[in-house]
Amino acid sequence: MNAQPIPARTNKDLDYRQMRRSRRRARFLRNYQYYLLLLPALIWYAVFAYAPMYGIQIAFKNFNGAKGIWGSKWVGLRHFEAFFNSYFFPVLLENTLALSLYSLVVGMPIPIIVALLLNEVRNQRYKRFIQTVTYAPHFISTVVLVGMILIVLSPSTGLVNMARRALGMESYYYMTDPAAFRHIYVWSGIWQNVGWSSIIYLAALSAVNAELHEAAVIDGATRLQRLWYLNIPTLKPTFTILLILSVGSLMSVGHEKVLLMQNDLNRTTANIISTYVYERGLIRGDFSFSAAVSLFNNVINFVLLVSVNFISRRLGETSLF
């Protein structure tokens, strides 16, 4: 069977390609100011996000600072196998998932409820006051927040234990109770961030056409019916995107707050993957092992992000990519 000859490029094809290049060049020159504004962000990501990925290879080596990354001995998957076979692996995985899922399940609906309630407030002065009160805790640093938690839950001078003693109960040191750690971590985080997280939903609710509400009122719809059939469907795309992003960082529980709340008595539930990486890498100096654990954590996050985004795209029209 004779091969078909490849058709030569015609002048028409060359003219079309030149026309496309001219259009792209003209579009770039017309919007060059926007590209210049985007350039610092691209440089930042290139320098601080992508360039450090060069060091990922130490997860597959026995890193020696004197020999450098390239001079260190290659050991393959030895550090991953050591982590998977260690006593800490199931404990760390359980603690991380429990804390993350608890935060996700409780932390996602509450900002929506706050945004819906604030959207129904008609007194603007009262609405601004509530917004200020709920937004303010977001600007409290993690160190100050944990200090406040320790003071409030102090067995001697804490408000909670003073109330317990007033009711005839004994003082209780909640920070030493492993079962109480997750509740304290999650609900203090909700108190700190619920107002700030509701801003996005309030912005989405502002896109609801007022004429739709007026038409619903004329048709006899109650406030609850308008909230259910008009406001909540408007929040669905925003909620889906935030859910995908939250699931994509499910394994990345912030170690700062956990480290500050952690002690020897609550470590059975307070020890998570990120704190374990900190302990092995920065305290013990086992950089290769900690890099392997951190890489495993990030790979799981990536798989979760792609999977949830795929499911969301198949079930609905909203997805990240």
Protein backbone atom coordinates (compact mmCIF):
# COMPACT_ATOMS: atom_id res chain seq x y z
CA MET A 1 0.00 0.00 0.00
CA ASN A 2 1.54 3.27 -1.15
CA ALA A 3 1.98 6.01 1.45
CA GLN A 4 0.00 9.14 0.81
CA PRO A 5 2.20 12.19 0.11
CA ILE A 6 2.15 14.92 2.73
CA PRO A 7 0.44 17.96 1.23
CA ALA A 8 2.68 20.98 0.95
CA ARG A 9 1.81 24.13 2.82
CA THR A 10 -0.06 26.53 0.66
CA ASN A 11 0.22 30.28 0.66
CA LYS A 12 -3.25 30.37 2.18
CA ASP A 13 -2.10 28.35 5.22
CA LEU A 14 0.94 30.56 5.70
CA ASP A 15 -1.17 33.70 5.46
CA TYR A 16 -3.60 32.30 8.04
CA ARG A 17 -0.78 31.53 10.50
CA GLN A 18 0.73 34.98 10.02
CA MET A 19 -2.69 36.52 10.60
CA ARG A 20 -3.07 34.59 13.88
CA ARG A 21 0.38 35.71 15.06
CA SER A 22 -0.48 39.29 14.18
CA ARG A 23 -3.72 39.07 16.16
CA ARG A 24 -1.92 37.67 19.22
CA ARG A 25 0.72 40.38 18.98
CA ALA A 26 -1.93 43.08 18.66
CA ARG A 27 -3.87 41.65 21.62
CA PHE A 28 -0.71 41.59 23.73
CA LEU A 29 0.19 45.18 22.86
CA ARG A 30 -3.36 46.31 23.56
CA ASN A 31 -3.37 44.69 27.04
CA TYR A 32 0.31 44.87 27.98
CA GLN A 33 -0.49 46.81 31.19
CA TYR A 34 -2.41 43.81 32.54
CA TYR A 35 0.46 41.45 31.72
CA LEU A 36 2.85 43.78 33.54
CA LEU A 37 0.60 43.67 36.61
CA LEU A 38 0.60 39.88 36.39
CA LEU A 39 4.39 39.64 36.05
CA PRO A 40 5.31 40.11 39.78
CA ALA A 41 2.93 37.31 40.77
CA LEU A 42 4.43 34.99 38.14
CA ILE A 43 7.95 35.82 39.32
CA TRP A 44 6.96 35.19 42.95
CA TYR A 45 5.52 31.76 42.10
CA ALA A 46 8.52 30.88 39.96
CA VAL A 47 11.03 31.81 42.68
CA PHE A 48 9.22 30.66 45.84
CA ALA A 49 6.88 27.89 44.63
CA TYR A 50 8.42 26.16 41.62
CA ALA A 51 12.18 26.68 42.05
CA PRO A 52 12.21 24.99 45.51
CA MET A 53 10.76 21.85 43.90
CA TYR A 54 14.34 21.13 42.89
CA GLY A 55 14.90 19.99 46.48
CA ILE A 56 12.17 17.33 46.36
CA GLN A 57 14.80 14.81 45.27
CA ILE A 58 16.23 14.66 48.79
CA ALA A 59 13.18 12.53 49.66
CA PHE A 60 14.85 9.79 47.59
CA LYS A 61 18.36 10.32 48.99
CA ASN A 62 20.25 10.24 52.26
CA PHE A 63 20.81 13.96 52.31
CA ASN A 64 24.21 15.13 53.55
CA GLY A 65 24.67 18.87 53.88
CA ALA A 66 28.39 18.63 53.22
CA LYS A 67 27.87 16.74 49.95
CA GLY A 68 24.87 18.72 48.80
CA ILE A 69 21.78 17.44 47.02
CA TRP A 70 23.57 16.03 43.99
CA GLY A 71 26.36 14.44 46.02
CA SER A 72 24.08 12.66 48.50
CA LYS A 73 23.51 8.93 48.12
CA TRP A 74 20.42 7.78 46.24
CA VAL A 75 18.25 5.38 48.29
CA GLY A 76 15.04 5.30 46.26
CA LEU A 77 11.84 4.63 48.22
CA ARG A 78 13.56 3.61 51.45
CA HIS A 79 12.25 6.59 53.46
CA PHE A 80 8.70 6.04 52.24
CA GLU A 81 8.85 2.37 53.21
CA ALA A 82 10.23 3.28 56.64
CA PHE A 83 7.36 5.72 57.20
CA PHE A 84 4.65 3.29 56.02
CA ASN A 85 6.02 0.50 58.21
CA SER A 86 6.50 2.64 61.31
CA TYR A 87 4.26 2.62 64.37
CA PHE A 88 3.41 6.29 63.84
CA PHE A 89 1.95 5.98 60.33
CA PRO A 90 -1.60 4.76 61.20
CA VAL A 91 -1.76 7.05 64.24
CA LEU A 92 -0.67 10.14 62.31
CA LEU A 93 -2.97 9.34 59.40
CA GLU A 94 -5.96 8.83 61.70
CA ASN A 95 -5.30 12.03 63.67
CA THR A 96 -4.76 14.11 60.54
CA LEU A 97 -7.88 12.83 58.78
CA ALA A 98 -10.03 13.11 61.91
CA LEU A 99 -8.99 16.72 62.52
CA SER A 100 -9.32 17.70 58.85
CA LEU A 101 -12.69 16.04 58.29
CA TYR A 102 -14.05 17.47 61.54
CA SER A 103 -12.95 20.96 60.48
CA LEU A 104 -14.38 20.48 56.99
CA VAL A 105 -17.77 19.07 58.00
CA VAL A 106 -18.37 21.68 60.69
CA GLY A 107 -16.50 24.61 59.16
CA MET A 108 -18.08 24.63 55.69
CA PRO A 109 -21.81 25.06 56.54
CA ILE A 110 -21.48 27.62 59.35
CA PRO A 111 -20.14 30.52 57.18
CA ILE A 112 -23.02 29.88 54.77
CA ILE A 113 -25.54 30.11 57.60
CA VAL A 114 -23.92 33.32 58.89
CA ALA A 115 -23.95 34.85 55.40
CA LEU A 116 -27.61 33.94 54.87
CA LEU A 117 -28.59 35.42 58.23
CA LEU A 118 -26.60 38.62 57.65
CA ASN A 119 -28.14 38.97 54.21
CA GLU A 120 -31.61 39.03 55.81
CA VAL A 121 -30.74 41.84 58.23
CA ARG A 122 -32.31 45.09 57.06
CA ASN A 123 -30.91 47.42 59.74
CA GLN A 124 -27.58 48.46 58.18
CA ARG A 125 -26.04 49.78 61.41
CA TYR A 126 -26.81 46.54 63.24
CA LYS A 127 -25.56 44.54 60.24
CA ARG A 128 -22.24 46.41 60.15
CA PHE A 129 -21.84 45.91 63.90
CA ILE A 130 -22.36 42.14 63.61
CA GLN A 131 -19.96 41.97 60.67
CA THR A 132 -17.28 43.84 62.62
CA VAL A 133 -17.70 41.56 65.64
CA THR A 134 -17.46 38.41 63.52
CA TYR A 135 -14.60 39.65 61.30
CA ALA A 136 -12.36 40.90 64.14
CA PRO A 137 -11.15 37.49 65.45
CA HIS A 138 -9.67 36.70 62.02
CA PHE A 139 -6.93 39.27 62.62
CA ILE A 140 -5.83 37.68 65.89
CA SER A 141 -2.53 35.86 65.46
CA THR A 142 -2.33 32.13 66.13
CA VAL A 143 -0.04 32.63 69.13
CA VAL A 144 -2.43 35.11 70.74
CA LEU A 145 -5.42 32.87 70.01
CA VAL A 146 -3.83 29.84 71.69
CA GLY A 147 -2.84 32.07 74.63
CA MET A 148 -6.49 33.11 74.97
CA ILE A 149 -7.57 29.47 74.87
CA LEU A 150 -5.10 28.55 77.63
CA ILE A 151 -6.32 31.44 79.79
CA VAL A 152 -10.03 30.73 79.29
CA LEU A 153 -9.58 26.98 79.95
CA SER A 154 -7.13 27.38 82.85
CA PRO A 155 -8.10 25.04 85.73
CA SER A 156 -7.49 27.75 88.32
CA THR A 157 -8.41 31.13 86.82
CA GLY A 158 -10.20 30.22 83.57
CA LEU A 159 -13.74 31.41 82.97
CA VAL A 160 -14.95 27.91 82.08
CA ASN A 161 -13.68 26.34 85.29
CA MET A 162 -14.91 29.27 87.37
CA ALA A 163 -18.38 28.57 85.97
CA ARG A 164 -17.97 24.86 86.74
CA ARG A 165 -17.04 25.62 90.34
CA ALA A 166 -19.99 27.99 90.65
CA LEU A 167 -22.25 25.11 89.59
CA GLY A 168 -20.70 22.80 92.18
CA MET A 169 -18.45 20.86 89.77
CA GLU A 170 -14.72 20.30 90.01
CA SER A 171 -12.19 22.10 87.86
CA TYR A 172 -11.05 20.30 84.74
CA TYR A 173 -7.95 20.94 82.66
CA TYR A 174 -9.29 20.51 79.13
CA MET A 175 -5.92 21.00 77.45
CA THR A 176 -4.61 17.72 78.88
CA ASP A 177 -7.57 15.70 77.66
CA PRO A 178 -6.86 14.00 74.30
CA ALA A 179 -10.59 13.70 73.58
CA ALA A 180 -11.12 17.45 74.04
CA PHE A 181 -8.23 18.53 71.82
CA ARG A 182 -10.06 18.19 68.49
CA HIS A 183 -13.15 20.01 69.75
CA ILE A 184 -11.07 22.90 71.09
CA TYR A 185 -9.02 23.12 67.89
CA VAL A 186 -11.98 23.06 65.51
CA TRP A 187 -14.40 25.32 67.36
CA SER A 188 -11.78 27.92 68.20
CA GLY A 189 -10.90 27.97 64.49
CA ILE A 190 -14.54 28.44 63.56
CA TRP A 191 -14.88 31.31 66.04
CA GLN A 192 -11.82 32.95 64.54
CA ASN A 193 -12.64 32.54 60.84
CA VAL A 194 -16.41 32.22 60.44
CA GLY A 195 -16.99 35.94 59.83
CA TRP A 196 -14.12 36.24 57.37
CA SER A 197 -15.18 33.10 55.48
CA SER A 198 -18.73 34.41 55.13
CA ILE A 199 -17.54 37.41 53.07
CA ILE A 200 -17.32 35.31 49.90
CA TYR A 201 -20.86 34.02 50.36
CA LEU A 202 -22.16 37.53 51.07
CA ALA A 203 -20.56 38.69 47.82
CA ALA A 204 -22.28 35.84 45.97
CA LEU A 205 -25.64 36.72 47.54
CA SER A 206 -25.30 40.29 46.33
CA ALA A 207 -25.57 38.95 42.76
CA VAL A 208 -29.17 37.78 43.34
CA ASN A 209 -31.49 39.99 41.31
CA ALA A 210 -33.78 41.99 43.61
CA GLU A 211 -36.57 41.67 41.05
CA LEU A 212 -36.64 37.92 41.65
CA HIS A 213 -37.33 38.52 45.34
CA GLU A 214 -40.01 41.08 44.49
CA ALA A 215 -41.68 38.65 42.10
CA ALA A 216 -41.51 35.89 44.73
CA VAL A 217 -43.12 38.17 47.32
CA ILE A 218 -45.92 39.04 44.90
CA ASP A 219 -46.48 35.31 44.30
CA GLY A 220 -46.84 34.81 48.06
CA ALA A 221 -43.47 33.20 48.84
CA THR A 222 -42.38 33.40 52.47
CA ARG A 223 -38.93 34.57 53.53
CA LEU A 224 -37.88 30.97 54.19
CA GLN A 225 -39.05 29.90 50.73
CA ARG A 226 -37.15 32.76 49.07
CA LEU A 227 -34.06 31.82 51.04
CA TRP A 228 -34.37 28.17 49.99
CA TYR A 229 -35.24 28.63 46.32
CA LEU A 230 -33.34 31.85 45.49
CA ASN A 231 -30.42 32.42 47.86
CA ILE A 232 -29.15 28.91 48.47
CA PRO A 233 -29.00 27.91 44.74
CA THR A 234 -26.99 31.09 44.13
CA LEU A 235 -24.38 29.92 46.64
CA LYS A 236 -24.00 26.46 45.10
CA PRO A 237 -21.17 27.30 42.61
CA THR A 238 -19.22 29.23 45.27
CA PHE A 239 -19.67 26.43 47.79
CA THR A 240 -18.53 23.84 45.25
CA ILE A 241 -15.31 25.69 44.42
CA LEU A 242 -14.47 26.24 48.10
CA LEU A 243 -15.25 22.60 48.86
CA ILE A 244 -12.88 21.42 46.11
CA LEU A 245 -10.11 23.68 47.46
CA SER A 246 -10.74 22.52 51.03
CA VAL A 247 -10.63 18.84 50.07
CA GLY A 248 -7.43 19.54 48.10
CA SER A 249 -5.76 20.64 51.33
CA LEU A 250 -7.40 18.01 53.52
CA MET A 251 -4.11 16.50 54.68
CA SER A 252 -2.40 19.85 55.23
CA VAL A 253 -3.57 20.77 58.70
CA GLY A 254 -1.65 23.84 59.86
CA HIS A 255 1.06 22.78 62.30
CA GLU A 256 1.47 26.15 64.06
CA LYS A 257 -1.73 26.01 66.09
CA VAL A 258 -1.41 22.28 66.74
CA LEU A 259 2.15 22.69 68.01
CA LEU A 260 1.13 25.48 70.36
CA MET A 261 -1.78 23.45 71.74
CA GLN A 262 0.17 20.20 71.91
CA ASN A 263 1.56 18.75 75.14
CA ASP A 264 2.69 15.35 76.38
CA LEU A 265 -0.76 14.45 77.72
CA ASN A 266 -2.84 15.16 74.59
CA ARG A 267 -0.24 13.99 72.06
CA THR A 268 -2.20 10.82 71.24
CA THR A 269 -4.69 12.92 69.25
CA ALA A 270 -2.64 16.10 68.74
CA ASN A 271 0.24 14.51 66.84
CA ILE A 272 -0.44 14.92 63.10
CA ILE A 273 1.62 14.54 59.92
CA SER A 274 2.70 18.19 59.69
CA THR A 275 3.93 18.28 63.31
CA TYR A 276 5.71 14.97 62.76
CA VAL A 277 7.48 16.43 59.72
CA TYR A 278 8.51 19.45 61.81
CA GLU A 279 9.83 17.23 64.60
CA ARG A 280 11.80 14.86 62.35
CA GLY A 281 13.07 17.52 59.97
CA LEU A 282 13.87 20.62 62.02
CA ILE A 283 14.38 19.19 65.49
CA ARG A 284 16.09 15.88 64.70
CA GLY A 285 17.66 17.02 61.43
CA ASP A 286 16.38 14.05 59.43
CA PHE A 287 15.73 16.10 56.30
CA SER A 288 15.37 13.25 53.81
CA PHE A 289 12.82 11.35 55.88
CA SER A 290 10.76 14.47 56.61
CA ALA A 291 10.85 15.44 52.92
CA ALA A 292 9.52 11.99 52.00
CA VAL A 293 6.66 12.27 54.50
CA SER A 294 5.81 15.76 53.30
CA LEU A 295 5.90 14.63 49.66
CA PHE A 296 3.54 11.76 50.46
CA ASN A 297 1.20 14.26 52.14
CA ASN A 298 1.20 16.57 49.12
CA VAL A 299 0.65 13.74 46.65
CA ILE A 300 -2.44 12.65 48.58
CA ASN A 301 -3.71 16.25 48.51
CA PHE A 302 -3.16 16.42 44.76
CA VAL A 303 -5.01 13.15 44.16
CA LEU A 304 -7.91 14.32 46.32
CA LEU A 305 -8.07 17.66 44.49
CA VAL A 306 -8.14 16.07 41.03
CA SER A 307 -10.65 13.40 42.11
CA VAL A 308 -13.12 15.79 43.73
CA ASN A 309 -12.81 18.21 40.81
CA PHE A 310 -13.54 15.35 38.37
CA ILE A 311 -16.58 14.23 40.38
CA SER A 312 -17.85 17.80 40.59
CA ARG A 313 -17.46 18.29 36.84
CA ARG A 314 -19.34 15.06 36.12
CA LEU A 315 -22.18 15.79 38.54
CA GLY A 316 -22.58 19.49 37.84
CA GLU A 317 -21.22 22.36 35.83
CA THR A 318 -18.87 23.82 38.43
CA SER A 319 -15.21 22.80 38.65
CA LEU A 320 -11.76 24.30 38.92
CA PHE A 321 -10.51 22.86 35.63
